[in-house]
Amino acid sequence: MRALIGTHDLLFVTLDTLRYDAAVAADTPTLASVLPGGAWQRRHTPASFTYAAHHAFFAGFLPTPVTPGPHERLFAARFGGSESSGPRTYVFDHPDLPTALAAEGYHTVCLGGVGFFNPAAPLGRVLPGLFAESHWEPAFGVTAPDCVGAQLDRLEKIIGELPPSRPLFTFLNVAAMHQPNRHYVPGAAEDGLSTHTAALEYVDGRLGRLFDLVSGRGRPCQVIICSDHGTLYGEDGHVGHRVAHEAVWTVPYADFILGAP
């Protein structure tokens, strides 16, 4: 990652609330075509809900491989005693990645999805406030069946107005998998693992457009795509997340480069 800063655009996608088991079970041909080896990595998230997980992510604590470490991180905010920063880690002297990349000349853009990115309340302005440009509207949110399509319409406009010479950091929080998601299965009366999986299949159908947008600026694009946490549909009596359960802590992760020469 250290060698890519300045020469590559960066796309960071969080598939909000996506469970690992749903990710590997879903029919997702677009993802299969870009995931290294055609498969997700199984990792553990640093937090059990969106707000906490994203604070950790932006400081460099992405989901951790389930195999024994230490594991060298892609990027990291500098602090004394770090054992997971190495020679390839992009280490920055700022509290978060968006601020660090802005200092490197990047235009930083946040396209929010779930409620923690809704600026109607002060709490919803904290994470978007890390970026030079941020957007949220109801069409991006959890109740909008084509939430990703609406986000990509906005991203296409942003890219069209940005000089190709300016590097771009795009952060996209995808709300589709979060409850309610029963609208992705016609006739479904309630949310469940099957509607959660169907939501990811909907997202996969929009990712080709996303990848074309970010790789069409004349420079390669480093992509990080993962879930921030899983969720529960009645397992052990739990519904939702923010609990210490294997299905909440275990998430899919991948990183790869698009448009590399």
Protein backbone atom coordinates (compact mmCIF):
# COMPACT_ATOMS: atom_id res chain seq x y z
CA MET A 1 0.00 0.00 0.00
CA ARG A 2 2.85 2.41 0.77
CA ALA A 3 4.07 2.22 -2.83
CA LEU A 4 0.61 2.92 -4.31
CA ILE A 5 -0.15 6.26 -2.64
CA GLY A 6 -0.24 9.03 -5.22
CA THR A 7 -0.22 6.77 -8.27
CA HIS A 8 -3.42 4.81 -7.57
CA ASP A 9 -6.96 5.81 -6.79
CA LEU A 10 -8.49 4.10 -3.77
CA LEU A 11 -11.97 2.58 -3.39
CA PHE A 12 -13.11 1.36 0.02
CA VAL A 13 -16.50 -0.41 0.08
CA THR A 14 -18.17 -1.58 3.28
CA LEU A 15 -21.00 -4.02 2.66
CA ASP A 16 -22.82 -3.05 5.82
CA THR A 17 -24.05 -5.92 8.01
CA LEU A 18 -23.02 -8.66 5.55
CA ARG A 19 -22.49 -12.06 7.16
CA TYR A 20 -19.61 -14.23 5.99
CA ASP A 21 -21.80 -17.30 5.46
CA ALA A 22 -24.19 -15.29 3.27
CA ALA A 23 -21.29 -13.86 1.27
CA VAL A 24 -19.88 -17.28 0.38
CA ALA A 25 -23.34 -18.77 -0.33
CA ALA A 26 -24.62 -15.99 -2.61
CA ASP A 27 -24.56 -16.14 -6.40
CA THR A 28 -22.27 -13.18 -7.11
CA PRO A 29 -20.57 -13.50 -10.51
CA THR A 30 -19.20 -9.95 -10.53
CA LEU A 31 -17.44 -10.45 -7.21
CA ALA A 32 -16.23 -13.90 -8.25
CA SER A 33 -14.53 -12.30 -11.26
CA VAL A 34 -12.44 -9.90 -9.14
CA LEU A 35 -11.91 -11.56 -5.74
CA PRO A 36 -8.39 -13.01 -5.53
CA GLY A 37 -8.78 -16.71 -6.24
CA GLY A 38 -12.49 -16.08 -6.74
CA ALA A 39 -13.15 -16.28 -3.00
CA TRP A 40 -13.61 -14.13 0.07
CA GLN A 41 -11.15 -14.13 2.94
CA ARG A 42 -12.68 -15.10 6.29
CA ARG A 43 -11.80 -12.42 8.84
CA HIS A 44 -12.83 -11.01 12.21
CA THR A 45 -14.12 -7.46 12.48
CA PRO A 46 -12.79 -5.08 15.16
CA ALA A 47 -16.31 -4.14 16.29
CA SER A 48 -19.86 -5.46 16.34
CA PHE A 49 -21.67 -2.44 14.87
CA THR A 50 -21.19 0.18 12.18
CA TYR A 51 -20.06 3.25 14.10
CA ALA A 52 -17.32 1.54 16.07
CA ALA A 53 -16.12 -0.62 13.18
CA HIS A 54 -15.65 2.32 10.82
CA HIS A 55 -13.66 4.32 13.35
CA ALA A 56 -11.32 1.34 13.59
CA PHE A 57 -11.20 0.89 9.80
CA PHE A 58 -10.25 4.50 9.12
CA ALA A 59 -7.40 4.23 11.65
CA GLY A 60 -6.07 1.19 9.78
CA PHE A 61 -7.63 -1.66 11.74
CA LEU A 62 -9.36 -3.53 8.93
CA PRO A 63 -10.88 -6.96 9.64
CA THR A 64 -8.16 -9.29 10.93
CA PRO A 65 -7.34 -12.66 9.28
CA VAL A 66 -8.55 -15.57 11.37
CA THR A 67 -5.15 -17.29 11.13
CA PRO A 68 -2.53 -16.53 13.81
CA GLY A 69 -0.63 -13.26 13.32
CA PRO A 70 0.75 -10.73 13.50
CA HIS A 71 -0.55 -9.60 10.11
CA GLU A 72 0.96 -6.59 8.36
CA ARG A 73 -1.71 -3.96 7.80
CA LEU A 74 -2.34 -2.10 4.53
CA PHE A 75 -2.37 1.30 6.23
CA ALA A 76 -2.06 2.56 9.78
CA ALA A 77 -2.20 5.72 11.84
CA ARG A 78 1.21 6.02 13.50
CA PHE A 79 1.40 5.18 17.20
CA GLY A 80 4.15 3.86 19.42
CA GLY A 81 4.39 0.12 19.88
CA SER A 82 2.42 -0.93 16.81
CA GLU A 83 3.28 -4.54 15.98
CA SER A 84 1.26 -4.81 12.79
CA SER A 85 2.86 -2.02 10.72
CA GLY A 86 5.56 -3.21 8.34
CA PRO A 87 7.67 -2.10 5.39
CA ARG A 88 4.71 -2.21 3.00
CA THR A 89 2.25 -0.45 5.34
CA TYR A 90 1.21 3.10 4.47
CA VAL A 91 1.81 4.77 7.86
CA PHE A 92 0.44 8.27 8.29
CA ASP A 93 0.74 11.01 10.91
CA HIS A 94 -2.96 11.82 10.97
CA PRO A 95 -5.80 10.36 13.04
CA ASP A 96 -7.59 8.78 10.08
CA LEU A 97 -7.14 7.67 6.47
CA PRO A 98 -9.33 10.30 4.75
CA THR A 99 -7.39 13.14 6.40
CA ALA A 100 -4.07 11.51 5.51
CA LEU A 101 -5.03 11.01 1.88
CA ALA A 102 -6.30 14.60 1.61
CA ALA A 103 -2.84 15.72 2.72
CA GLU A 104 -1.40 13.59 -0.10
CA GLY A 105 -3.52 15.49 -2.64
CA TYR A 106 -6.47 13.10 -2.90
CA HIS A 107 -10.05 14.26 -3.25
CA THR A 108 -11.94 12.30 -0.58
CA VAL A 109 -15.58 11.35 -1.07
CA CYS A 110 -18.02 9.59 1.27
CA LEU A 111 -21.23 8.07 -0.07
CA GLY A 112 -23.08 6.95 3.04
CA GLY A 113 -25.76 4.31 3.38
CA VAL A 114 -26.96 3.34 6.86
CA GLY A 115 -28.12 5.76 9.54
CA PHE A 116 -24.67 6.54 10.95
CA PHE A 117 -24.04 8.49 7.72
CA ASN A 118 -27.33 10.39 7.79
CA PRO A 119 -26.45 14.02 8.63
CA ALA A 120 -29.92 14.79 10.01
CA ALA A 121 -28.50 14.12 13.49
CA PRO A 122 -25.10 15.28 14.79
CA LEU A 123 -23.95 11.67 15.30
CA GLY A 124 -24.50 11.03 11.59
CA ARG A 125 -22.05 13.81 10.70
CA VAL A 126 -19.03 12.38 12.54
CA LEU A 127 -17.86 9.77 10.01
CA PRO A 128 -18.82 11.80 6.90
CA GLY A 129 -17.06 14.78 8.47
CA LEU A 130 -13.71 13.07 7.88
CA PHE A 131 -14.14 13.59 4.13
CA ALA A 132 -13.83 16.64 1.90
CA GLU A 133 -17.13 15.74 0.22
CA SER A 134 -19.91 13.60 1.65
CA HIS A 135 -23.39 12.66 0.49
CA TRP A 136 -26.40 10.93 1.99
CA GLU A 137 -30.06 10.91 0.99
CA PRO A 138 -32.99 8.57 1.64
CA ALA A 139 -32.40 6.93 -1.76
CA PHE A 140 -29.04 5.66 -0.39
CA GLY A 141 -30.58 4.19 2.75
CA VAL A 142 -31.79 0.88 4.11
CA THR A 143 -35.38 1.19 2.84
CA ALA A 144 -34.45 2.02 -0.78
CA PRO A 145 -34.45 -1.10 -3.01
CA ASP A 146 -31.97 0.43 -5.49
CA CYS A 147 -29.78 2.18 -2.94
CA VAL A 148 -26.54 1.30 -4.74
CA GLY A 149 -27.84 2.54 -8.08
CA ALA A 150 -28.62 5.92 -6.51
CA GLN A 151 -25.15 6.11 -4.95
CA LEU A 152 -23.51 5.30 -8.26
CA ASP A 153 -25.50 8.01 -10.03
CA ARG A 154 -23.97 10.49 -7.58
CA LEU A 155 -20.47 9.00 -7.93
CA GLU A 156 -20.65 9.21 -11.72
CA LYS A 157 -21.41 12.92 -11.45
CA ILE A 158 -18.54 13.46 -8.99
CA ILE A 159 -16.05 11.64 -11.19
CA GLY A 160 -17.23 13.52 -14.25
CA GLU A 161 -16.44 16.83 -12.56
CA LEU A 162 -13.05 15.81 -11.11
CA PRO A 163 -9.87 16.45 -13.13
CA PRO A 164 -8.34 13.11 -14.17
CA SER A 165 -5.01 14.23 -12.75
CA ARG A 166 -6.45 14.48 -9.20
CA PRO A 167 -6.26 11.17 -7.31
CA LEU A 168 -9.55 10.04 -5.79
CA PHE A 169 -10.44 8.21 -2.58
CA THR A 170 -14.01 6.93 -2.73
CA PHE A 171 -15.67 5.43 0.35
CA LEU A 172 -18.98 3.66 -0.26
CA ASN A 173 -21.14 2.30 2.56
CA VAL A 174 -23.73 -0.10 1.11
CA ALA A 175 -26.97 -0.36 3.09
CA ALA A 176 -28.79 -3.10 1.18
CA MET A 177 -27.97 -6.04 3.47
CA HIS A 178 -29.07 -4.20 6.61
CA GLN A 179 -32.57 -4.85 7.87
CA PRO A 180 -35.11 -4.36 6.35
CA ASN A 181 -34.04 -6.45 3.36
CA ARG A 182 -37.15 -8.54 2.65
CA HIS A 183 -37.92 -6.41 -0.41
CA TYR A 184 -35.19 -8.33 -2.28
CA VAL A 185 -37.32 -11.52 -2.23
CA PRO A 186 -40.77 -10.95 -3.75
CA GLY A 187 -43.48 -11.99 -1.33
CA ALA A 188 -41.18 -12.35 1.68
CA ALA A 189 -43.05 -11.42 4.85
CA GLU A 190 -40.00 -10.84 7.05
CA ASP A 191 -36.24 -10.50 6.97
CA GLY A 192 -34.08 -13.60 7.17
CA LEU A 193 -30.86 -15.12 5.96
CA SER A 194 -32.38 -15.78 2.52
CA THR A 195 -33.40 -12.13 2.03
CA HIS A 196 -30.02 -11.02 3.40
CA THR A 197 -28.31 -13.19 0.76
CA ALA A 198 -30.64 -11.91 -1.95
CA ALA A 199 -29.66 -8.35 -1.01
CA LEU A 200 -26.01 -9.17 -1.71
CA GLU A 201 -26.97 -10.63 -5.07
CA TYR A 202 -28.70 -7.34 -5.88
CA VAL A 203 -25.53 -5.45 -4.90
CA ASP A 204 -23.39 -7.73 -7.06
CA GLY A 205 -25.50 -6.73 -10.04
CA ARG A 206 -24.47 -3.08 -9.49
CA LEU A 207 -20.78 -3.61 -8.75
CA GLY A 208 -19.75 -3.90 -12.41
CA ARG A 209 -20.82 -0.29 -12.91
CA LEU A 210 -18.94 0.77 -9.77
CA PHE A 211 -15.75 -0.94 -10.87
CA ASP A 212 -16.01 0.59 -14.35
CA LEU A 213 -16.41 4.06 -12.83
CA VAL A 214 -13.40 3.88 -10.53
CA SER A 215 -11.11 2.15 -13.03
CA GLY A 216 -11.98 4.44 -15.94
CA ARG A 217 -10.00 7.50 -14.82
CA GLY A 218 -6.73 6.54 -16.49
CA ARG A 219 -5.03 5.22 -13.36
CA PRO A 220 -5.20 1.92 -11.47
CA CYS A 221 -7.46 1.69 -8.43
CA GLN A 222 -6.73 -0.14 -5.20
CA VAL A 223 -9.97 -1.70 -3.94
CA ILE A 224 -10.77 -2.78 -0.38
CA ILE A 225 -14.16 -4.43 0.07
CA CYS A 226 -15.45 -5.99 3.26
CA SER A 227 -18.26 -6.14 5.78
CA ASP A 228 -18.16 -4.13 8.97
CA HIS A 229 -20.03 -6.80 10.99
CA GLY A 230 -22.59 -9.54 10.58
CA THR A 231 -26.11 -9.76 11.97
CA LEU A 232 -28.44 -12.35 13.49
CA TYR A 233 -31.82 -13.67 12.45
CA GLY A 234 -32.81 -15.60 15.56
CA GLU A 235 -29.63 -17.58 16.17
CA ASP A 236 -29.37 -18.33 19.91
CA GLY A 237 -32.38 -16.08 20.39
CA HIS A 238 -30.70 -12.94 19.01
CA VAL A 239 -31.94 -10.61 16.28
CA GLY A 240 -29.64 -7.87 15.02
CA HIS A 241 -26.03 -7.23 16.05
CA ARG A 242 -23.91 -5.43 18.68
CA VAL A 243 -23.55 -8.77 20.47
CA ALA A 244 -20.56 -11.12 20.78
CA HIS A 245 -21.68 -13.86 18.42
CA GLU A 246 -19.67 -15.71 15.78
CA ALA A 247 -22.04 -14.67 12.99
CA VAL A 248 -21.55 -11.01 13.98
CA TRP A 249 -17.76 -11.09 14.37
CA THR A 250 -16.95 -13.16 11.24
CA VAL A 251 -16.97 -11.12 8.03
CA PRO A 252 -15.88 -11.38 4.38
CA TYR A 253 -12.88 -9.35 3.17
CA ALA A 254 -10.93 -8.83 -0.07
CA ASP A 255 -8.50 -6.37 -1.59
CA PHE A 256 -7.29 -6.17 -5.19
CA ILE A 257 -6.26 -3.69 -7.87
CA LEU A 258 -8.41 -2.74 -10.86
CA GLY A 259 -6.95 -1.38 -14.08
CA ALA A 260 -3.35 -2.30 -13.31
CA PRO A 261 -1.05 -2.20 -16.36
